[in-house]
N, C-alpha and C. Protein backbone atom coordinates (compact mmCIF):
# COMPACT_ATOMS: atom_id res chain seq x y z
N MET A 1 30.42 161.01 -39.27
CA MET A 1 30.15 159.19 -38.89
C MET A 1 31.92 158.95 -39.14
N SER A 2 31.40 157.79 -38.46
CA SER A 2 33.05 157.31 -38.16
C SER A 2 32.87 155.81 -39.36
N ASP A 3 34.15 156.31 -39.22
CA ASP A 3 35.00 154.64 -40.17
C ASP A 3 35.16 153.61 -40.50
N THR A 4 33.38 152.69 -41.13
CA THR A 4 32.69 151.85 -40.26
C THR A 4 32.61 150.81 -41.30
N ALA A 5 32.36 150.08 -41.28
CA ALA A 5 32.07 149.38 -43.06
C ALA A 5 30.76 149.61 -43.28
N ALA A 6 30.01 149.59 -42.26
CA ALA A 6 28.62 150.46 -42.28
C ALA A 6 28.81 151.77 -42.86
N SER A 7 29.55 152.83 -42.67
CA SER A 7 29.45 154.33 -43.16
C SER A 7 29.51 153.81 -44.66
N ARG A 8 30.99 153.60 -44.47
CA ARG A 8 31.50 153.15 -46.36
C ARG A 8 30.27 152.76 -47.28
N MET A 9 29.24 151.94 -46.96
CA MET A 9 28.77 151.68 -47.48
C MET A 9 27.62 152.68 -47.87
N ILE A 10 26.92 153.44 -46.95
CA ILE A 10 25.62 153.47 -46.67
C ILE A 10 26.20 155.20 -47.92
N ASP A 11 27.92 155.19 -47.65
CA ASP A 11 28.55 156.12 -48.23
C ASP A 11 28.36 156.67 -49.60
N ALA A 12 28.61 155.02 -50.33
CA ALA A 12 29.10 154.81 -51.77
C ALA A 12 27.24 154.43 -52.32
N PHE A 13 26.19 153.54 -50.85
CA PHE A 13 25.15 153.84 -51.66
C PHE A 13 24.35 154.95 -51.83
N HIS A 14 24.35 155.85 -51.63
CA HIS A 14 24.10 156.97 -51.85
C HIS A 14 25.10 158.30 -53.09
N ALA A 15 26.67 157.63 -52.98
CA ALA A 15 26.73 158.71 -54.22
C ALA A 15 26.81 157.59 -55.29
N SER A 16 26.09 156.97 -55.55
CA SER A 16 25.97 156.18 -56.65
C SER A 16 24.89 156.35 -57.36
N HIS A 17 23.67 157.61 -56.73
CA HIS A 17 22.82 158.18 -57.02
C HIS A 17 21.75 157.57 -57.78
N VAL A 18 21.09 155.90 -57.23
CA VAL A 18 20.56 155.22 -57.59
C VAL A 18 19.31 155.89 -57.06
N GLU A 19 19.14 156.90 -56.31
CA GLU A 19 17.42 157.09 -55.79
C GLU A 19 17.53 157.51 -56.75
N ASP A 20 17.60 159.31 -57.05
CA ASP A 20 17.37 160.51 -58.00
C ASP A 20 17.59 159.66 -59.93
N ARG A 21 17.96 158.50 -59.78
CA ARG A 21 17.34 157.55 -60.75
C ARG A 21 16.20 156.95 -61.32
N GLN A 22 16.42 156.29 -60.08
CA GLN A 22 15.40 155.27 -59.56
C GLN A 22 14.20 155.92 -58.91
N HIS A 23 14.11 157.33 -58.76
CA HIS A 23 12.40 157.88 -58.67
C HIS A 23 12.56 156.95 -56.96
N VAL A 24 13.36 156.71 -56.25
CA VAL A 24 13.25 155.95 -55.00
C VAL A 24 13.91 157.09 -53.36
N GLU A 25 13.35 156.99 -52.55
CA GLU A 25 13.52 157.71 -51.59
C GLU A 25 14.48 156.91 -50.02
N MET A 26 15.75 156.92 -49.89
CA MET A 26 15.65 156.07 -48.84
C MET A 26 16.16 156.15 -47.36
N TRP A 27 15.92 155.98 -46.47
CA TRP A 27 17.23 156.40 -45.25
C TRP A 27 17.14 155.26 -44.64
N LEU A 28 18.30 155.17 -44.68
CA LEU A 28 19.45 154.29 -44.24
C LEU A 28 19.93 154.30 -42.63
N GLU A 29 20.70 153.88 -41.75
CA GLU A 29 21.19 154.32 -40.75
C GLU A 29 21.68 153.15 -39.86
N ALA A 30 23.57 153.81 -39.23
CA ALA A 30 24.50 152.40 -39.30
C ALA A 30 23.41 152.09 -37.93
N THR A 31 23.74 150.67 -37.77
CA THR A 31 22.88 150.10 -36.64
C THR A 31 24.30 149.43 -35.99
N GLY A 32 25.21 150.01 -36.72
CA GLY A 32 26.50 149.14 -35.79
C GLY A 32 27.24 149.11 -36.73
N ASP A 33 28.86 149.18 -36.96
CA ASP A 33 30.09 148.95 -37.25
C ASP A 33 29.70 148.49 -38.76
N SER A 34 28.95 147.18 -38.37
CA SER A 34 28.80 146.64 -39.61
C SER A 34 27.53 146.33 -39.76
N ALA A 35 26.21 147.23 -39.34
CA ALA A 35 25.00 146.50 -39.84
C ALA A 35 24.73 147.59 -39.85
N VAL A 36 23.81 147.90 -40.35
CA VAL A 36 22.13 149.18 -40.90
C VAL A 36 21.30 148.61 -40.69
N ALA A 37 19.78 149.92 -40.64
CA ALA A 37 19.25 149.27 -40.67
C ALA A 37 17.94 150.28 -42.37
N LEU A 38 16.92 149.62 -42.27
CA LEU A 38 16.12 150.83 -44.22
C LEU A 38 15.41 151.02 -43.29
N GLU A 39 15.47 152.40 -42.21
CA GLU A 39 14.22 152.99 -41.89
C GLU A 39 13.49 153.34 -42.73
N ALA A 40 13.74 153.74 -44.13
CA ALA A 40 12.69 153.51 -44.72
C ALA A 40 12.53 153.71 -46.58
N LEU A 41 12.20 153.40 -46.98
CA LEU A 41 11.92 153.69 -48.74
C LEU A 41 10.74 153.56 -48.87
N TRP A 42 11.00 154.41 -50.58
CA TRP A 42 9.83 154.65 -50.98
C TRP A 42 9.42 155.13 -52.29
N SER A 43 9.07 154.79 -53.02
CA SER A 43 8.35 155.33 -54.58
C SER A 43 8.34 156.21 -54.64
N GLU A 44 9.35 157.35 -55.65
CA GLU A 44 8.05 158.48 -56.05
C GLU A 44 7.56 159.00 -56.85
N GLY A 45 6.81 157.81 -57.42
CA GLY A 45 6.03 157.22 -58.32
C GLY A 45 5.55 156.99 -58.45
N GLU A 46 4.85 155.78 -59.59
CA GLU A 46 3.56 154.63 -59.41
C GLU A 46 4.24 153.58 -58.99
N HIS A 47 3.51 153.25 -58.09
CA HIS A 47 4.65 151.01 -58.13
C HIS A 47 3.93 150.77 -59.37
N HIS A 48 5.52 150.33 -58.48
CA HIS A 48 5.09 148.01 -59.37
C HIS A 48 6.55 149.11 -60.76
N ARG A 49 6.79 150.00 -60.93
CA ARG A 49 7.81 150.48 -61.66
C ARG A 49 8.58 149.53 -62.07
N GLY A 50 9.43 149.49 -60.36
CA GLY A 50 10.76 148.83 -61.11
C GLY A 50 11.36 149.39 -59.84
N HIS A 51 11.29 150.55 -59.26
CA HIS A 51 12.09 151.22 -58.80
C HIS A 51 12.76 151.41 -57.15
N ALA A 52 11.36 150.66 -56.69
CA ALA A 52 12.25 149.93 -55.89
C ALA A 52 12.96 148.55 -55.45
N ARG A 53 12.55 147.61 -56.86
CA ARG A 53 13.25 146.92 -56.33
C ARG A 53 14.63 146.64 -57.02
N ALA A 54 14.82 147.98 -57.65
CA ALA A 54 16.65 148.47 -58.76
C ALA A 54 17.60 149.09 -57.57
N ALA A 55 16.66 149.56 -56.02
CA ALA A 55 17.92 150.57 -55.76
C ALA A 55 17.84 149.12 -54.18
N LEU A 56 16.78 149.28 -53.91
CA LEU A 56 17.56 147.53 -53.12
C LEU A 56 18.30 147.75 -54.11
N GLU A 57 18.18 146.47 -54.45
CA GLU A 57 19.42 145.62 -55.59
C GLU A 57 20.72 146.14 -55.48
N ARG A 58 20.86 147.85 -55.27
CA ARG A 58 21.57 148.43 -55.42
C ARG A 58 22.35 148.08 -54.19
N LEU A 59 21.88 147.98 -52.91
CA LEU A 59 21.94 148.33 -51.78
C LEU A 59 22.33 147.09 -51.46
N VAL A 60 21.64 146.41 -52.00
CA VAL A 60 21.88 144.47 -51.27
C VAL A 60 23.64 144.82 -52.13
N ALA A 61 23.31 144.97 -52.71
CA ALA A 61 25.44 143.83 -53.65
C ALA A 61 26.16 144.74 -52.77
N LEU A 62 25.51 145.93 -52.34
CA LEU A 62 26.56 146.65 -51.32
C LEU A 62 27.59 146.28 -50.11
N ALA A 63 26.01 146.42 -49.49
CA ALA A 63 26.21 146.36 -48.42
C ALA A 63 26.88 144.43 -48.51
N ASP A 64 26.50 143.07 -50.17
CA ASP A 64 27.24 141.94 -49.81
C ASP A 64 29.40 143.02 -50.13
N ARG A 65 28.82 143.23 -50.32
CA ARG A 65 30.33 143.95 -51.30
C ARG A 65 31.36 144.62 -49.62
N HIS A 66 30.69 144.96 -48.96
CA HIS A 66 31.02 145.89 -47.42
C HIS A 66 30.97 145.02 -46.09
N GLY A 67 29.90 143.75 -46.47
CA GLY A 67 30.10 142.86 -45.83
C GLY A 67 28.94 143.76 -44.82
N VAL A 68 27.78 144.07 -45.05
CA VAL A 68 27.01 144.95 -44.06
C VAL A 68 26.20 144.60 -43.86
N MET A 69 25.26 144.16 -42.77
CA MET A 69 23.86 142.74 -42.94
C MET A 69 23.17 144.15 -42.43
N LEU A 70 21.95 144.29 -43.29
CA LEU A 70 20.71 144.94 -43.35
C LEU A 70 19.26 144.78 -42.64
N SER A 71 18.43 145.63 -42.02
CA SER A 71 17.10 145.12 -41.01
C SER A 71 16.25 145.68 -41.90
N LEU A 72 15.56 145.79 -40.87
CA LEU A 72 14.12 146.17 -41.29
C LEU A 72 13.20 145.39 -41.09
N VAL A 73 11.97 146.88 -40.81
CA VAL A 73 10.45 146.49 -40.63
C VAL A 73 9.63 145.98 -41.61
N PRO A 74 9.63 145.16 -42.60
CA PRO A 74 7.70 145.93 -43.45
C PRO A 74 6.54 145.85 -43.31
N ARG A 75 7.11 146.91 -43.56
CA ARG A 75 5.70 147.97 -42.75
C ARG A 75 5.03 148.76 -44.12
N PRO A 76 3.90 149.87 -44.20
CA PRO A 76 4.05 150.59 -45.10
C PRO A 76 4.41 152.10 -44.00
N LEU A 77 5.17 152.53 -44.80
CA LEU A 77 4.74 153.77 -44.46
C LEU A 77 3.46 154.59 -43.63
N THR A 78 3.89 154.86 -42.14
CA THR A 78 1.83 156.22 -42.13
C THR A 78 2.87 157.32 -41.70
N GLN A 79 2.28 158.35 -41.46
CA GLN A 79 1.60 159.15 -40.90
C GLN A 79 2.41 159.41 -39.19
N LYS A 80 3.36 160.76 -39.37
CA LYS A 80 4.97 159.90 -38.87
C LYS A 80 3.99 160.95 -37.45
N GLY A 81 4.38 160.08 -36.60
CA GLY A 81 3.03 160.55 -34.82
C GLY A 81 1.41 159.01 -34.88
N GLN A 82 1.01 158.36 -35.90
CA GLN A 82 0.56 157.05 -36.10
C GLN A 82 0.98 156.82 -35.47
N GLY A 83 -0.03 155.29 -34.70
CA GLY A 83 -0.10 153.54 -35.02
C GLY A 83 0.22 153.25 -35.74
N ASN A 84 0.46 151.69 -36.04
CA ASN A 84 0.33 151.04 -37.43
C ASN A 84 -0.89 150.39 -37.59
N ALA A 85 -1.90 150.47 -36.64
CA ALA A 85 -3.56 150.55 -37.00
C ALA A 85 -4.28 151.33 -38.30
N THR A 86 -2.99 152.95 -38.82
CA THR A 86 -3.22 154.42 -39.77
C THR A 86 -3.61 153.28 -40.72
N PRO A 87 -3.48 153.74 -41.57
CA PRO A 87 -3.23 153.82 -42.80
C PRO A 87 -2.28 153.56 -43.40
N SER A 88 -1.42 153.74 -44.45
CA SER A 88 -0.83 153.86 -45.64
C SER A 88 -1.15 155.47 -45.70
N VAL A 89 -0.01 156.24 -45.43
CA VAL A 89 0.66 156.75 -46.37
C VAL A 89 -0.06 157.54 -47.73
N ASP A 90 0.96 155.82 -48.47
CA ASP A 90 0.32 155.69 -50.12
C ASP A 90 -1.18 154.61 -49.88
N GLN A 91 -2.02 155.01 -50.48
CA GLN A 91 -3.16 154.03 -50.45
C GLN A 91 -2.88 153.16 -52.15
N ALA A 92 -2.24 153.93 -52.84
CA ALA A 92 -1.46 152.38 -53.67
C ALA A 92 -0.16 152.17 -53.14
N ALA A 93 -0.33 152.15 -51.60
CA ALA A 93 1.31 150.74 -51.18
C ALA A 93 1.47 149.91 -51.68
N PRO A 94 2.18 148.35 -51.18
CA PRO A 94 1.76 147.36 -51.00
C PRO A 94 1.29 147.40 -48.95
N ASP A 95 0.70 146.83 -48.91
CA ASP A 95 0.78 145.97 -47.90
C ASP A 95 1.10 145.40 -47.24
N SER A 96 1.44 145.27 -45.30
CA SER A 96 3.00 144.26 -44.70
C SER A 96 3.22 143.26 -45.84
N ALA A 97 1.93 142.19 -46.36
CA ALA A 97 1.86 140.78 -46.42
C ALA A 97 2.38 141.13 -47.07
N ALA A 98 2.16 142.38 -49.08
CA ALA A 98 2.77 142.30 -49.84
C ALA A 98 4.91 142.96 -49.60
N LEU A 99 5.10 143.48 -49.32
CA LEU A 99 5.92 144.02 -48.20
C LEU A 99 7.41 143.81 -47.98
N GLU A 100 6.53 142.17 -46.89
CA GLU A 100 7.30 140.96 -46.65
C GLU A 100 7.99 140.06 -47.17
N ALA A 101 6.79 140.20 -47.63
CA ALA A 101 7.22 138.79 -49.61
C ALA A 101 8.17 139.42 -49.85
N PHE A 102 7.50 140.86 -51.20
CA PHE A 102 9.37 141.81 -51.30
C PHE A 102 10.10 141.93 -50.95
N TYR A 103 10.92 142.11 -49.95
CA TYR A 103 11.43 141.34 -49.13
C TYR A 103 12.80 140.03 -49.31
N GLY A 104 11.59 139.87 -49.11
CA GLY A 104 11.67 137.56 -49.34
C GLY A 104 12.72 137.28 -50.88
N ARG A 105 11.95 137.88 -52.05
CA ARG A 105 12.57 137.32 -52.76
C ARG A 105 14.18 138.28 -52.66
N LEU A 106 14.09 139.41 -51.82
CA LEU A 106 15.61 139.50 -52.74
C LEU A 106 16.53 139.10 -50.59
N GLY A 107 15.92 138.52 -50.07
CA GLY A 107 17.44 137.62 -49.59
C GLY A 107 16.85 138.60 -47.58
N PHE A 108 16.13 138.55 -47.61
CA PHE A 108 15.78 138.84 -46.20
C PHE A 108 14.53 138.04 -45.73
N GLU A 109 14.49 138.35 -44.28
CA GLU A 109 14.23 136.96 -43.05
C GLU A 109 13.83 137.31 -42.30
N ARG A 110 12.81 136.45 -41.63
CA ARG A 110 12.38 137.30 -40.04
C ARG A 110 13.02 136.86 -39.54
N SER A 111 14.07 137.83 -38.90
CA SER A 111 14.40 136.96 -38.25
C SER A 111 13.90 137.18 -35.87
N GLY A 112 12.64 137.11 -36.42
CA GLY A 112 12.35 136.78 -34.67
C GLY A 112 11.92 137.12 -34.15
N GLY A 113 12.68 138.32 -34.27
CA GLY A 113 12.45 139.90 -33.09
C GLY A 113 11.06 140.29 -33.35
N LYS A 114 10.31 141.18 -33.08
CA LYS A 114 9.38 142.48 -33.22
C LYS A 114 10.04 143.23 -33.19
N PHE A 115 8.86 144.99 -33.84
CA PHE A 115 9.28 146.34 -33.79
C PHE A 115 7.48 146.75 -33.88
N GLU A 116 7.83 147.38 -32.74
CA GLU A 116 6.09 147.13 -32.90
C GLU A 116 5.12 146.31 -33.75
N GLY A 117 5.25 145.53 -32.98
CA GLY A 117 4.38 144.45 -33.57
C GLY A 117 5.02 143.59 -35.02
N SER A 118 5.43 144.30 -35.53
CA SER A 118 6.04 143.84 -36.49
C SER A 118 7.23 142.87 -37.05
N PRO A 119 6.82 141.96 -38.13
CA PRO A 119 8.05 140.97 -38.14
C PRO A 119 9.25 141.94 -38.16
N VAL A 120 10.94 142.01 -37.72
CA VAL A 120 12.01 142.32 -37.90
C VAL A 120 12.87 142.06 -39.56
N MET A 121 13.18 141.45 -40.35
CA MET A 121 13.79 141.30 -40.76
C MET A 121 15.59 141.78 -41.38
N VAL A 122 15.84 140.23 -41.62
CA VAL A 122 17.15 140.29 -42.33
C VAL A 122 17.93 140.21 -42.85
N ARG A 123 19.39 140.08 -43.95
CA ARG A 123 19.89 139.87 -44.46
C ARG A 123 21.34 139.75 -44.73
N SER A 124 21.83 139.05 -44.29
CA SER A 124 23.92 138.41 -43.68
C SER A 124 23.77 139.22 -44.75
N PRO A 125 24.99 139.45 -45.07
CA PRO A 125 26.15 139.89 -46.36
C PRO A 125 26.18 138.73 -46.96
N ARG A 126 26.65 138.42 -48.22
CA ARG A 126 26.61 137.33 -49.47
C ARG A 126 27.97 137.63 -49.72
């Protein structure tokens, strides 16, 4: 990976071991020198324990520190290769509306764009 703000932020996030301590997994992808997409996030344990929020708060803080814009699509994970109509892999996972509200509380806003019929949300660094 090249030495960009996005790559430094991703490296700093993984070096913080937040994922291991918070029992979550995140897939992050640099989409530009100062932009990172949150491709996937899931809690490895019980939901509604604050693990995903704590990991996301750490991600947002690092994005702010490195001047990186974050983007994501708020929808439940489905089996690979399945469409939006497929039920979530985890039946206890929040639905798209709950995910959008969750990300909104962390400063993400709809960008006006869509990906496979779902809204794209972004958060500019602060």
